[in-house]
Structures are given as C-alpha cells and as structure tokens.
Amino acid sequence: MAEEFWVFGYGSLMWNPGFDHVQRAHAELDGYRRSFCLSSVRYRGTEDYPGLVLALEPVEGACCRGVAFRVPAEKARDALQYLRDRELVTGSYFERRLPLRLLENGETVQAICYVMDTQHHQYQGHLETMERARIIATATGPAGTNRDYLFRTIENLESLDVEEPEIRRIADLIARMDKD
C-alpha cells in the first residue's frame, strides 16, 4: 500500500489540483521562486507558438508561498500517476521531495515539488519582462489562453495574501497592450 504524501502547488495546481486530497494548507518553500520561465507547448501554448507557465526556479535566499495538499494513502497511487502524467510530460521538471513549512501551524512536511530543470530546452529564464508579457498576452493552447492562466494565478495569490511584483508587472504590461 502506498503512503500518504504532500504536494506543493505554486501555479495552476493551487486552483486546479486535479487529484483527491484530504487537506489543503498555505505553505512556504525556501530556496525557490515562482517564475514564468517554462515554455508551454502542451497546455498554454503549442509547438508552433509556445506560451509561458510558472515553474519553481532554484534561487538562494528565495521563498515561494503556495498551497500544500495532503493526499491520503488510499488515493496516493492514483494521485502520483496523475501528477506525473501532468507535470513530467515534457521532461522539463524534476520531481523532488522538499521540506515545506505549513503556515497554519509551522510544521515542516516533505512534499513533492516540481522544480524547473534549468538546463532543459524549454527553460526561458533569460527572457525580459516585456517579452514574457507579449508571449502570455497572445499564446493559447489546449488548456486555454496563457493570459487566463496568469490572471487565475494572480487571483489565487491574492487570496493567499501573496505579492509577486514580477507577475504583477507582467499583468500591468498586458493591460497596457490591451489599451493600445
């Protein structure tokens, strides 16, 4: 029998986990930041016109706030298969078990985290903010528009009282593009 486990959501997993869980908690992951640095060719873009989605980038001194989900043992096997099919489809992430701090009680748990492989060809950490905004404003994939992904993420971050200045700058640039 599989054991229960935790999963860290920092992007679409926050608002669309897609697996059964028995607990949802606000959490922090040290040593990583949330960044629009992953070229999306499957969900929010295509091979011909990639979008950009969030990934965890390793950055010394950084801290990423998001949502932790506890998956019970009886659902663990199915949830893990679902997550691997969803997150590891292009090989751009490493699946890691990392220590998360649950904010409600300060407890530290080991959680599955999907971390960007910065050597992968889909890594786009070098892009300037304006280029990220241009891509997000126009890309669309099978899961919907890239801008919907951005704004749903912002809504969820705001509900957690998380400020992400870089993500807000991207949204502001897109709003300016829409006016022009």
Protein backbone atom coordinates (compact mmCIF):
# COMPACT_ATOMS: atom_id res chain seq x y z
CA MET A 1 0.00 0.00 0.00
CA ALA A 2 1.28 3.47 -0.88
CA GLU A 3 1.84 6.06 1.85
CA GLU A 4 0.19 9.45 2.13
CA PHE A 5 2.17 12.40 0.79
CA TRP A 6 2.05 16.17 0.36
CA VAL A 7 2.22 18.10 -2.93
CA PHE A 8 3.20 21.76 -3.33
CA GLY A 9 1.13 23.92 -5.67
CA TYR A 10 2.58 27.27 -6.77
CA GLY A 11 0.83 27.77 -10.15
CA SER A 12 -2.19 26.02 -11.63
CA LEU A 13 -2.02 23.27 -9.00
CA MET A 14 -3.21 25.90 -6.50
CA TRP A 15 -6.54 26.33 -8.28
CA ASN A 16 -6.76 23.14 -10.31
CA PRO A 17 -5.08 20.31 -8.42
CA GLY A 18 -6.96 17.57 -10.30
CA PHE A 19 -6.39 14.88 -7.66
CA ASP A 20 -8.15 13.82 -4.47
CA HIS A 21 -6.74 15.29 -1.27
CA VAL A 22 -7.87 15.48 2.36
CA GLN A 23 -6.13 18.67 3.45
CA ARG A 24 -5.19 22.00 1.87
CA ALA A 25 -2.79 24.33 3.67
CA HIS A 26 -0.88 27.52 2.92
CA ALA A 27 2.82 26.70 2.76
CA GLU A 28 6.29 28.10 2.06
CA LEU A 29 9.19 26.54 0.18
CA ASP A 30 12.62 28.02 0.85
CA GLY A 31 15.31 28.26 -1.83
CA TYR A 32 12.96 28.61 -4.81
CA ARG A 33 10.99 31.33 -6.56
CA ARG A 34 7.89 31.21 -8.75
CA SER A 35 8.76 32.38 -12.27
CA PHE A 36 7.26 32.48 -15.75
CA CYS A 37 10.24 30.62 -17.16
CA LEU A 38 8.82 27.43 -18.70
CA SER A 39 7.90 27.38 -22.36
CA SER A 40 4.47 25.72 -22.57
CA VAL A 41 3.97 23.63 -25.69
CA ARG A 42 1.25 21.36 -24.33
CA TYR A 43 -1.16 23.33 -22.11
CA ARG A 44 -1.00 27.13 -22.63
CA GLY A 45 0.73 27.15 -26.00
CA THR A 46 1.67 24.90 -28.89
CA GLU A 47 4.87 23.66 -30.55
CA ASP A 48 4.42 26.40 -33.17
CA TYR A 49 3.59 29.14 -30.67
CA PRO A 50 4.71 28.29 -27.13
CA GLY A 51 3.21 30.03 -24.14
CA LEU A 52 4.88 30.58 -20.75
CA VAL A 53 3.88 28.97 -17.49
CA LEU A 54 5.19 29.10 -13.96
CA ALA A 55 7.97 26.92 -12.65
CA LEU A 56 10.00 26.75 -9.47
CA GLU A 57 13.46 28.17 -10.09
CA PRO A 58 16.17 27.46 -7.55
CA VAL A 59 17.36 30.81 -6.13
CA GLU A 60 19.44 31.15 -2.99
CA GLY A 61 17.56 33.08 -0.31
CA ALA A 62 14.22 32.95 -2.14
CA CYS A 63 10.95 31.77 -0.62
CA CYS A 64 7.85 30.71 -2.54
CA ARG A 65 4.42 30.73 -0.88
CA GLY A 66 1.71 28.49 -2.24
CA VAL A 67 -0.60 25.65 -1.29
CA ALA A 68 0.22 22.21 0.08
CA PHE A 69 -2.16 19.32 -0.48
CA ARG A 70 -2.15 16.15 1.63
CA VAL A 71 -3.02 13.05 -0.35
CA PRO A 72 -4.26 10.09 1.71
CA ALA A 73 -2.64 6.67 1.35
CA GLU A 74 -5.68 5.15 -0.37
CA LYS A 75 -5.50 7.84 -3.11
CA ALA A 76 -1.70 8.10 -3.31
CA ARG A 77 -1.04 5.77 -6.24
CA ASP A 78 -3.66 7.39 -8.49
CA ALA A 79 -2.69 10.93 -7.48
CA LEU A 80 1.00 10.33 -8.12
CA GLN A 81 0.29 8.82 -11.54
CA TYR A 82 -1.93 11.79 -12.39
CA LEU A 83 0.72 14.29 -11.27
CA ARG A 84 3.47 12.57 -13.24
CA ASP A 85 1.33 12.45 -16.37
CA ARG A 86 0.53 16.14 -15.96
CA GLU A 87 3.83 17.61 -14.77
CA LEU A 88 6.52 15.39 -16.27
CA VAL A 89 5.12 15.17 -19.79
CA THR A 90 8.00 17.06 -21.48
CA GLY A 91 10.79 16.29 -19.02
CA SER A 92 11.27 19.96 -18.08
CA TYR A 93 10.72 19.38 -14.35
CA PHE A 94 12.49 17.36 -11.72
CA GLU A 95 10.22 15.67 -9.20
CA ARG A 96 11.72 16.38 -5.78
CA ARG A 97 10.69 15.80 -2.19
CA LEU A 98 11.49 19.03 -0.39
CA PRO A 99 10.72 20.45 3.06
CA LEU A 100 7.66 22.71 3.14
CA ARG A 101 6.60 24.84 6.07
CA LEU A 102 2.85 24.79 6.71
CA LEU A 103 1.91 28.33 7.70
CA GLU A 104 -1.08 27.45 9.90
CA ASN A 105 0.99 25.56 12.46
CA GLY A 106 4.67 25.94 11.48
CA GLU A 107 5.00 22.20 10.89
CA THR A 108 7.54 21.09 8.29
CA VAL A 109 6.49 18.31 5.92
CA GLN A 110 8.23 16.65 3.00
CA ALA A 111 6.32 17.44 -0.19
CA ILE A 112 6.53 16.54 -3.83
CA CYS A 113 7.60 19.63 -5.74
CA TYR A 114 8.04 20.02 -9.47
CA VAL A 115 11.24 22.03 -9.96
CA MET A 116 12.46 23.53 -13.25
CA ASP A 117 15.38 21.83 -14.96
CA THR A 118 17.27 25.00 -15.89
CA GLN A 119 19.29 23.00 -18.45
CA HIS A 120 16.15 21.88 -20.32
CA HIS A 121 15.48 23.44 -23.74
CA GLN A 122 12.08 24.72 -22.51
CA TYR A 123 13.70 26.85 -19.80
CA GLN A 124 13.18 30.54 -20.65
CA GLY A 125 14.63 32.26 -17.58
CA HIS A 126 16.59 34.68 -19.75
CA LEU A 127 13.54 36.47 -21.17
CA GLU A 128 12.91 40.12 -20.30
CA THR A 129 9.65 41.04 -18.59
CA MET A 130 8.23 42.71 -21.73
CA GLU A 131 8.85 39.58 -23.80
CA ARG A 132 7.20 37.41 -21.16
CA ALA A 133 4.17 39.73 -21.22
CA ARG A 134 3.97 39.64 -25.03
CA ILE A 135 4.01 35.83 -25.06
CA ILE A 136 1.47 35.49 -22.24
CA ALA A 137 -0.84 38.07 -23.85
CA THR A 138 -1.10 36.13 -27.11
CA ALA A 139 -0.45 32.41 -26.53
CA THR A 140 -3.24 29.84 -26.47
CA GLY A 141 -3.12 26.09 -26.04
CA PRO A 142 -5.42 23.13 -25.42
CA ALA A 143 -5.94 24.19 -21.76
CA GLY A 144 -6.89 27.75 -22.71
CA THR A 145 -5.25 31.13 -23.05
CA ASN A 146 -2.00 31.96 -21.38
CA ARG A 147 -3.47 35.20 -20.07
CA ASP A 148 -6.27 33.26 -18.30
CA TYR A 149 -3.57 31.18 -16.60
CA LEU A 150 -1.84 34.39 -15.48
CA PHE A 151 -4.98 36.03 -14.11
CA ARG A 152 -6.25 32.88 -12.35
CA THR A 153 -2.85 32.57 -10.70
CA ILE A 154 -2.94 36.21 -9.60
CA GLU A 155 -6.43 35.72 -8.10
CA ASN A 156 -5.18 32.75 -6.12
CA LEU A 157 -2.05 34.52 -4.96
CA GLU A 158 -4.15 37.46 -3.78
CA SER A 159 -6.42 35.07 -1.84
CA LEU A 160 -3.26 33.86 -0.06
CA ASP A 161 -2.07 37.46 0.54
CA VAL A 162 0.98 36.75 -1.62
CA GLU A 163 2.52 39.64 -3.50
CA GLU A 164 4.54 38.79 -6.60
CA PRO A 165 5.83 42.07 -8.07
CA GLU A 166 7.20 40.47 -11.26
CA ILE A 167 3.91 38.72 -12.01
CA ARG A 168 2.01 41.94 -11.30
CA ARG A 169 4.35 43.81 -13.73
CA ILE A 170 3.53 41.26 -16.44
CA ALA A 171 -0.21 41.73 -15.84
CA ASP A 172 0.16 45.52 -15.94
CA LEU A 173 2.09 45.34 -19.23
CA ILE A 174 -0.64 43.16 -20.75
CA ALA A 175 -3.30 45.63 -19.60
CA ARG A 176 -1.34 48.43 -21.32
CA MET A 177 -1.07 46.34 -24.51
CA ASP A 178 -4.83 45.85 -24.47
CA LYS A 179 -5.38 49.65 -24.34
CA ASP A 180 -3.04 50.35 -27.27
